[in-house]
PDB file of all heavy atoms in Angstrom:
ATOM      1  N   ALA A   1       0.790  -1.222   0.000  1.00  0.00           N
ATOM      2  CA  ALA A   1       0.000   0.000   0.000  1.00  0.00           C
ATOM      3  C   ALA A   1       0.821   1.270   0.000  1.00  0.00           C
ATOM      4  O   ALA A   1       0.374   2.301  -0.475  1.00  0.00           O
ATOM      5  CB  ALA A   1      -0.933   0.007   1.220  1.00  0.00           C
ATOM      6  N   ARG A   2       2.026   1.218   0.544  1.00  0.00           N
ATOM      7  CA  ARG A   2       2.821   2.424   0.660  1.00  0.00           C
ATOM      8  C   ARG A   2       3.429   2.827  -0.681  1.00  0.00           C
ATOM      9  O   ARG A   2       3.491   2.053  -1.631  1.00  0.00           O
ATOM     10  CB  ARG A   2       3.956   2.226   1.675  1.00  0.00           C
ATOM     11  CG  ARG A   2       3.474   1.861   3.061  1.00  0.00           C
ATOM     12  CD  ARG A   2       2.739   3.019   3.729  1.00  0.00           C
ATOM     13  NE  ARG A   2       2.463   2.708   5.116  1.00  0.00           N
ATOM     14  CZ  ARG A   2       1.356   2.140   5.553  1.00  0.00           C
ATOM     15  NH1 ARG A   2       0.417   1.796   4.712  1.00  0.00           N
ATOM     16  NH2 ARG A   2       1.177   1.904   6.836  1.00  0.00           N
ATOM     17  N   THR A   3       3.916   4.070  -0.723  1.00  0.00           N
ATOM     18  CA  THR A   3       4.617   4.554  -1.906  1.00  0.00           C
ATOM     19  C   THR A   3       5.831   3.684  -2.151  1.00  0.00           C
ATOM     20  O   THR A   3       6.598   3.419  -1.228  1.00  0.00           O
ATOM     21  CB  THR A   3       5.070   6.012  -1.692  1.00  0.00           C
ATOM     22  OG1 THR A   3       3.932   6.807  -1.379  1.00  0.00           O
ATOM     23  CG2 THR A   3       5.736   6.550  -2.942  1.00  0.00           C
ATOM     24  N   PRO A   4       6.032   3.182  -3.379  1.00  0.00           N
ATOM     25  CA  PRO A   4       7.183   2.325  -3.655  1.00  0.00           C
ATOM     26  C   PRO A   4       8.489   2.977  -3.217  1.00  0.00           C
ATOM     27  O   PRO A   4       8.704   4.174  -3.416  1.00  0.00           O
ATOM     28  CB  PRO A   4       7.130   2.157  -5.175  1.00  0.00           C
ATOM     29  CG  PRO A   4       5.703   2.374  -5.534  1.00  0.00           C
ATOM     30  CD  PRO A   4       5.199   3.403  -4.563  1.00  0.00           C
ATOM     31  N   GLY A   5       9.349   2.180  -2.621  1.00  0.00           N
ATOM     32  CA  GLY A   5      10.653   2.674  -2.213  1.00  0.00           C
ATOM     33  C   GLY A   5      10.717   3.152  -0.772  1.00  0.00           C
ATOM     34  O   GLY A   5      11.810   3.378  -0.260  1.00  0.00           O
ATOM     35  N   VAL A   6       9.573   3.325  -0.076  1.00  0.00           N
ATOM     36  CA  VAL A   6       9.597   3.711   1.334  1.00  0.00           C
ATOM     37  C   VAL A   6       9.898   2.460   2.160  1.00  0.00           C
ATOM     38  O   VAL A   6       9.082   1.542   2.217  1.00  0.00           O
ATOM     39  CB  VAL A   6       8.254   4.324   1.778  1.00  0.00           C
ATOM     40  CG1 VAL A   6       8.281   4.628   3.271  1.00  0.00           C
ATOM     41  CG2 VAL A   6       7.960   5.587   0.975  1.00  0.00           C
ATOM     42  N   PRO A   7      11.057   2.376   2.797  1.00  0.00           N
ATOM     43  CA  PRO A   7      11.425   1.157   3.520  1.00  0.00           C
ATOM     44  C   PRO A   7      10.504   0.874   4.698  1.00  0.00           C
ATOM     45  O   PRO A   7       9.976   1.782   5.335  1.00  0.00           O
ATOM     46  CB  PRO A   7      12.850   1.451   3.999  1.00  0.00           C
ATOM     47  CG  PRO A   7      13.346   2.530   3.099  1.00  0.00           C
ATOM     48  CD  PRO A   7      12.142   3.359   2.784  1.00  0.00           C
ATOM     49  N   GLN A   8      10.314  -0.416   4.974  1.00  0.00           N
ATOM     50  CA  GLN A   8       9.596  -0.876   6.147  1.00  0.00           C
ATOM     51  C   GLN A   8      10.625  -1.517   7.078  1.00  0.00           C
ATOM     52  O   GLN A   8      11.348  -2.421   6.674  1.00  0.00           O
ATOM     53  CB  GLN A   8       8.516  -1.888   5.770  1.00  0.00           C
ATOM     54  CG  GLN A   8       7.471  -1.356   4.818  1.00  0.00           C
ATOM     55  CD  GLN A   8       6.663  -0.226   5.424  1.00  0.00           C
ATOM     56  OE1 GLN A   8       6.179  -0.326   6.541  1.00  0.00           O
ATOM     57  NE2 GLN A   8       6.504   0.863   4.671  1.00  0.00           N
ATOM     58  N   ALA A   9      10.716  -1.013   8.311  1.00  0.00           N
ATOM     59  CA  ALA A   9      11.712  -1.497   9.258  1.00  0.00           C
ATOM     60  C   ALA A   9      11.067  -2.424  10.276  1.00  0.00           C
ATOM     61  O   ALA A   9      10.153  -2.024  10.990  1.00  0.00           O
ATOM     62  CB  ALA A   9      12.385  -0.325   9.963  1.00  0.00           C
ATOM     63  N   ILE A  10      11.549  -3.669  10.336  1.00  0.00           N
ATOM     64  CA  ILE A  10      11.130  -4.607  11.379  1.00  0.00           C
ATOM     65  C   ILE A  10      12.028  -4.347  12.584  1.00  0.00           C
ATOM     66  O   ILE A  10      13.234  -4.591  12.535  1.00  0.00           O
ATOM     67  CB  ILE A  10      11.261  -6.064  10.916  1.00  0.00           C
ATOM     68  CG1 ILE A  10      10.442  -6.308   9.650  1.00  0.00           C
ATOM     69  CG2 ILE A  10      10.834  -7.017  12.021  1.00  0.00           C
ATOM     70  CD1 ILE A  10      10.611  -7.703   9.071  1.00  0.00           C
ATOM     71  N   THR A  11      11.450  -3.827  13.659  1.00  0.00           N
ATOM     72  CA  THR A  11      12.228  -3.492  14.845  1.00  0.00           C
ATOM     73  C   THR A  11      11.865  -4.434  15.989  1.00  0.00           C
ATOM     74  O   THR A  11      10.811  -5.065  15.973  1.00  0.00           O
ATOM     75  CB  THR A  11      11.967  -2.040  15.277  1.00  0.00           C
ATOM     76  OG1 THR A  11      10.601  -1.916  15.735  1.00  0.00           O
ATOM     77  CG2 THR A  11      12.178  -1.070  14.123  1.00  0.00           C
ATOM     78  N   GLY A  12      12.757  -4.505  16.980  1.00  0.00           N
ATOM     79  CA  GLY A  12      12.451  -5.357  18.128  1.00  0.00           C
ATOM     80  C   GLY A  12      13.687  -5.781  18.887  1.00  0.00           C
ATOM     81  O   GLY A  12      14.827  -5.564  18.459  1.00  0.00           O
ATOM     82  N   LEU A  13      13.442  -6.414  20.007  1.00  0.00           N
ATOM     83  CA  LEU A  13      14.478  -6.878  20.917  1.00  0.00           C
ATOM     84  C   LEU A  13      15.419  -7.866  20.231  1.00  0.00           C
ATOM     85  O   LEU A  13      15.022  -8.588  19.320  1.00  0.00           O
ATOM     86  CB  LEU A  13      13.794  -7.558  22.110  1.00  0.00           C
ATOM     87  CG  LEU A  13      14.625  -7.969  23.325  1.00  0.00           C
ATOM     88  CD1 LEU A  13      15.094  -6.729  24.070  1.00  0.00           C
ATOM     89  CD2 LEU A  13      13.769  -8.840  24.241  1.00  0.00           C
ATOM     90  N   ALA A  14      16.673  -7.905  20.682  1.00  0.00           N
ATOM     91  CA  ALA A  14      17.605  -8.912  20.184  1.00  0.00           C
ATOM     92  C   ALA A  14      17.046 -10.305  20.460  1.00  0.00           C
ATOM     93  O   ALA A  14      16.562 -10.581  21.558  1.00  0.00           O
ATOM     94  CB  ALA A  14      18.965  -8.746  20.871  1.00  0.00           C
ATOM     95  N   GLY A  15      17.084 -11.187  19.462  1.00  0.00           N
ATOM     96  CA  GLY A  15      16.607 -12.549  19.643  1.00  0.00           C
ATOM     97  C   GLY A  15      15.120 -12.732  19.459  1.00  0.00           C
ATOM     98  O   GLY A  15      14.600 -13.832  19.657  1.00  0.00           O
ATOM     99  N   VAL A  16      14.400 -11.662  19.056  1.00  0.00           N
ATOM    100  CA  VAL A  16      12.946 -11.770  18.939  1.00  0.00           C
ATOM    101  C   VAL A  16      12.516 -12.370  17.604  1.00  0.00           C
ATOM    102  O   VAL A  16      11.345 -12.665  17.400  1.00  0.00           O
ATOM    103  CB  VAL A  16      12.296 -10.378  19.159  1.00  0.00           C
ATOM    104  CG1 VAL A  16      12.360  -9.538  17.880  1.00  0.00           C
ATOM    105  CG2 VAL A  16      10.864 -10.512  19.653  1.00  0.00           C
ATOM    106  N   GLY A  17      13.465 -12.570  16.681  1.00  0.00           N
ATOM    107  CA  GLY A  17      13.147 -13.257  15.432  1.00  0.00           C
ATOM    108  C   GLY A  17      12.966 -12.351  14.228  1.00  0.00           C
ATOM    109  O   GLY A  17      12.290 -12.728  13.269  1.00  0.00           O
ATOM    110  N   LYS A  18      13.578 -11.173  14.242  1.00  0.00           N
ATOM    111  CA  LYS A  18      13.412 -10.226  13.132  1.00  0.00           C
ATOM    112  C   LYS A  18      13.935 -10.796  11.822  1.00  0.00           C
ATOM    113  O   LYS A  18      13.255 -10.744  10.784  1.00  0.00           O
ATOM    114  CB  LYS A  18      14.124  -8.915  13.460  1.00  0.00           C
ATOM    115  CG  LYS A  18      13.613  -8.229  14.716  1.00  0.00           C
ATOM    116  CD  LYS A  18      14.346  -6.936  15.014  1.00  0.00           C
ATOM    117  CE  LYS A  18      15.803  -7.151  15.369  1.00  0.00           C
ATOM    118  NZ  LYS A  18      15.994  -7.875  16.639  1.00  0.00           N
ATOM    119  N   THR A  19      15.138 -11.341  11.852  1.00  0.00           N
ATOM    120  CA  THR A  19      15.738 -11.880  10.626  1.00  0.00           C
ATOM    121  C   THR A  19      14.933 -13.056  10.090  1.00  0.00           C
ATOM    122  O   THR A  19      14.651 -13.135   8.894  1.00  0.00           O
ATOM    123  CB  THR A  19      17.188 -12.314  10.898  1.00  0.00           C
ATOM    124  OG1 THR A  19      17.975 -11.157  11.204  1.00  0.00           O
ATOM    125  CG2 THR A  19      17.779 -13.019   9.685  1.00  0.00           C
ATOM    126  N   GLN A  20      14.553 -13.978  10.974  1.00  0.00           N
ATOM    127  CA  GLN A  20      13.827 -15.159  10.507  1.00  0.00           C
ATOM    128  C   GLN A  20      12.437 -14.804   9.977  1.00  0.00           C
ATOM    129  O   GLN A  20      11.945 -15.427   9.034  1.00  0.00           O
ATOM    130  CB  GLN A  20      13.713 -16.179  11.649  1.00  0.00           C
ATOM    131  CG  GLN A  20      15.052 -16.759  12.080  1.00  0.00           C
ATOM    132  CD  GLN A  20      15.808 -17.402  10.931  1.00  0.00           C
ATOM    133  OE1 GLN A  20      15.233 -18.107  10.117  1.00  0.00           O
ATOM    134  NE2 GLN A  20      17.108 -17.153  10.867  1.00  0.00           N
ATOM    135  N   THR A  21      11.808 -13.790  10.574  1.00  0.00           N
ATOM    136  CA  THR A  21      10.497 -13.360  10.085  1.00  0.00           C
ATOM    137  C   THR A  21      10.627 -12.724   8.705  1.00  0.00           C
ATOM    138  O   THR A  21       9.823 -12.989   7.810  1.00  0.00           O
ATOM    139  CB  THR A  21       9.849 -12.374  11.076  1.00  0.00           C
ATOM    140  OG1 THR A  21       9.702 -13.021  12.345  1.00  0.00           O
ATOM    141  CG2 THR A  21       8.482 -11.927  10.587  1.00  0.00           C
ATOM    142  N   ALA A  22      11.650 -11.879   8.538  1.00  0.00           N
ATOM    143  CA  ALA A  22      11.890 -11.280   7.223  1.00  0.00           C
ATOM    144  C   ALA A  22      12.194 -12.358   6.194  1.00  0.00           C
ATOM    145  O   ALA A  22      11.723 -12.305   5.050  1.00  0.00           O
ATOM    146  CB  ALA A  22      13.043 -10.278   7.304  1.00  0.00           C
ATOM    147  N   LEU A  23      12.964 -13.355   6.586  1.00  0.00           N
ATOM    148  CA  LEU A  23      13.336 -14.428   5.669  1.00  0.00           C
ATOM    149  C   LEU A  23      12.115 -15.244   5.255  1.00  0.00           C
ATOM    150  O   LEU A  23      11.946 -15.586   4.076  1.00  0.00           O
ATOM    151  CB  LEU A  23      14.374 -15.329   6.339  1.00  0.00           C
ATOM    152  CG  LEU A  23      14.990 -16.435   5.487  1.00  0.00           C
ATOM    153  CD1 LEU A  23      15.698 -15.851   4.280  1.00  0.00           C
ATOM    154  CD2 LEU A  23      15.978 -17.254   6.322  1.00  0.00           C
ATOM    155  N   GLU A  24      11.246 -15.548   6.215  1.00  0.00           N
ATOM    156  CA  GLU A  24      10.031 -16.294   5.889  1.00  0.00           C
ATOM    157  C   GLU A  24       9.133 -15.469   4.972  1.00  0.00           C
ATOM    158  O   GLU A  24       8.543 -15.998   4.028  1.00  0.00           O
ATOM    159  CB  GLU A  24       9.291 -16.663   7.173  1.00  0.00           C
ATOM    160  CG  GLU A  24       7.997 -17.439   6.954  1.00  0.00           C
ATOM    161  CD  GLU A  24       8.200 -18.829   6.378  1.00  0.00           C
ATOM    162  OE1 GLU A  24       9.348 -19.328   6.418  1.00  0.00           O
ATOM    163  OE2 GLU A  24       7.213 -19.421   5.900  1.00  0.00           O
ATOM    164  N   TYR A  25       9.033 -14.180   5.243  1.00  0.00           N
ATOM    165  CA  TYR A  25       8.224 -13.307   4.384  1.00  0.00           C
ATOM    166  C   TYR A  25       8.742 -13.354   2.941  1.00  0.00           C
ATOM    167  O   TYR A  25       7.964 -13.490   1.994  1.00  0.00           O
ATOM    168  CB  TYR A  25       8.264 -11.867   4.899  1.00  0.00           C
ATOM    169  CG  TYR A  25       7.553 -10.910   3.965  1.00  0.00           C
ATOM    170  CD1 TYR A  25       6.179 -10.720   4.063  1.00  0.00           C
ATOM    171  CD2 TYR A  25       8.244 -10.237   2.957  1.00  0.00           C
ATOM    172  CE1 TYR A  25       5.514  -9.880   3.178  1.00  0.00           C
ATOM    173  CE2 TYR A  25       7.595  -9.406   2.073  1.00  0.00           C
ATOM    174  CZ  TYR A  25       6.230  -9.229   2.190  1.00  0.00           C
ATOM    175  OH  TYR A  25       5.568  -8.420   1.300  1.00  0.00           O
ATOM    176  N   VAL A  26      10.042 -13.229   2.793  1.00  0.00           N
ATOM    177  CA  VAL A  26      10.651 -13.230   1.457  1.00  0.00           C
ATOM    178  C   VAL A  26      10.332 -14.522   0.714  1.00  0.00           C
ATOM    179  O   VAL A  26       9.960 -14.496  -0.473  1.00  0.00           O
ATOM    180  CB  VAL A  26      12.176 -13.032   1.577  1.00  0.00           C
ATOM    181  CG1 VAL A  26      12.866 -13.416   0.287  1.00  0.00           C
ATOM    182  CG2 VAL A  26      12.497 -11.588   1.922  1.00  0.00           C
ATOM    183  N   HIS A  27      10.458 -15.654   1.383  1.00  0.00           N
ATOM    184  CA  HIS A  27      10.204 -16.932   0.711  1.00  0.00           C
ATOM    185  C   HIS A  27       8.725 -17.099   0.362  1.00  0.00           C
ATOM    186  O   HIS A  27       8.399 -17.671  -0.680  1.00  0.00           O
ATOM    187  CB  HIS A  27      10.681 -18.087   1.599  1.00  0.00           C
ATOM    188  CG  HIS A  27      12.157 -18.327   1.528  1.00  0.00           C
ATOM    189  ND1 HIS A  27      12.739 -19.121   0.569  1.00  0.00           N
ATOM    190  CD2 HIS A  27      13.179 -17.851   2.285  1.00  0.00           C
ATOM    191  CE1 HIS A  27      14.051 -19.144   0.743  1.00  0.00           C
ATOM    192  NE2 HIS A  27      14.344 -18.389   1.778  1.00  0.00           N
ATOM    193  N   ARG A  28       7.840 -16.623   1.214  1.00  0.00           N
ATOM    194  CA  ARG A  28       6.406 -16.794   0.945  1.00  0.00           C
ATOM    195  C   ARG A  28       5.916 -15.916  -0.198  1.00  0.00           C
ATOM    196  O   ARG A  28       5.063 -16.324  -0.986  1.00  0.00           O
ATOM    197  CB  ARG A  28       5.593 -16.489   2.196  1.00  0.00           C
ATOM    198  CG  ARG A  28       5.754 -17.535   3.286  1.00  0.00           C
ATOM    199  CD  ARG A  28       4.659 -17.389   4.312  1.00  0.00           C
ATOM    200  NE  ARG A  28       4.906 -18.243   5.475  1.00  0.00           N
ATOM    201  CZ  ARG A  28       4.057 -18.375   6.473  1.00  0.00           C
ATOM    202  NH1 ARG A  28       2.924 -17.699   6.470  1.00  0.00           N
ATOM    203  NH2 ARG A  28       4.339 -19.168   7.499  1.00  0.00           N
ATOM    204  N   TRP A  29       6.422 -14.689  -0.271  1.00  0.00           N
ATOM    205  CA  TRP A  29       5.924 -13.751  -1.276  1.00  0.00           C
ATOM    206  C   TRP A  29       6.912 -13.553  -2.424  1.00  0.00           C
ATOM    207  O   TRP A  29       6.797 -12.584  -3.176  1.00  0.00           O
ATOM    208  CB  TRP A  29       5.589 -12.416  -0.625  1.00  0.00           C
ATOM    209  CG  TRP A  29       4.199 -12.367  -0.065  1.00  0.00           C
ATOM    210  CD1 TRP A  29       3.054 -12.074  -0.739  1.00  0.00           C
ATOM    211  CD2 TRP A  29       3.805 -12.634   1.286  1.00  0.00           C
ATOM    212  NE1 TRP A  29       1.969 -12.141   0.097  1.00  0.00           N
ATOM    213  CE2 TRP A  29       2.387 -12.487   1.353  1.00  0.00           C
ATOM    214  CE3 TRP A  29       4.489 -12.984   2.448  1.00  0.00           C
ATOM    215  CZ2 TRP A  29       1.679 -12.668   2.533  1.00  0.00           C
ATOM    216  CZ3 TRP A  29       3.775 -13.168   3.608  1.00  0.00           C
ATOM    217  CH2 TRP A  29       2.387 -13.020   3.648  1.00  0.00           C
TER     218      TRP A  29
END
């Protein structure tokens, strides 16, 4: 929905799974 090129930042505590969530998102879509 956002304007193309506006980054979306996944933020959160160390160890909360930010990288793995981003990775799963990439593979699914």
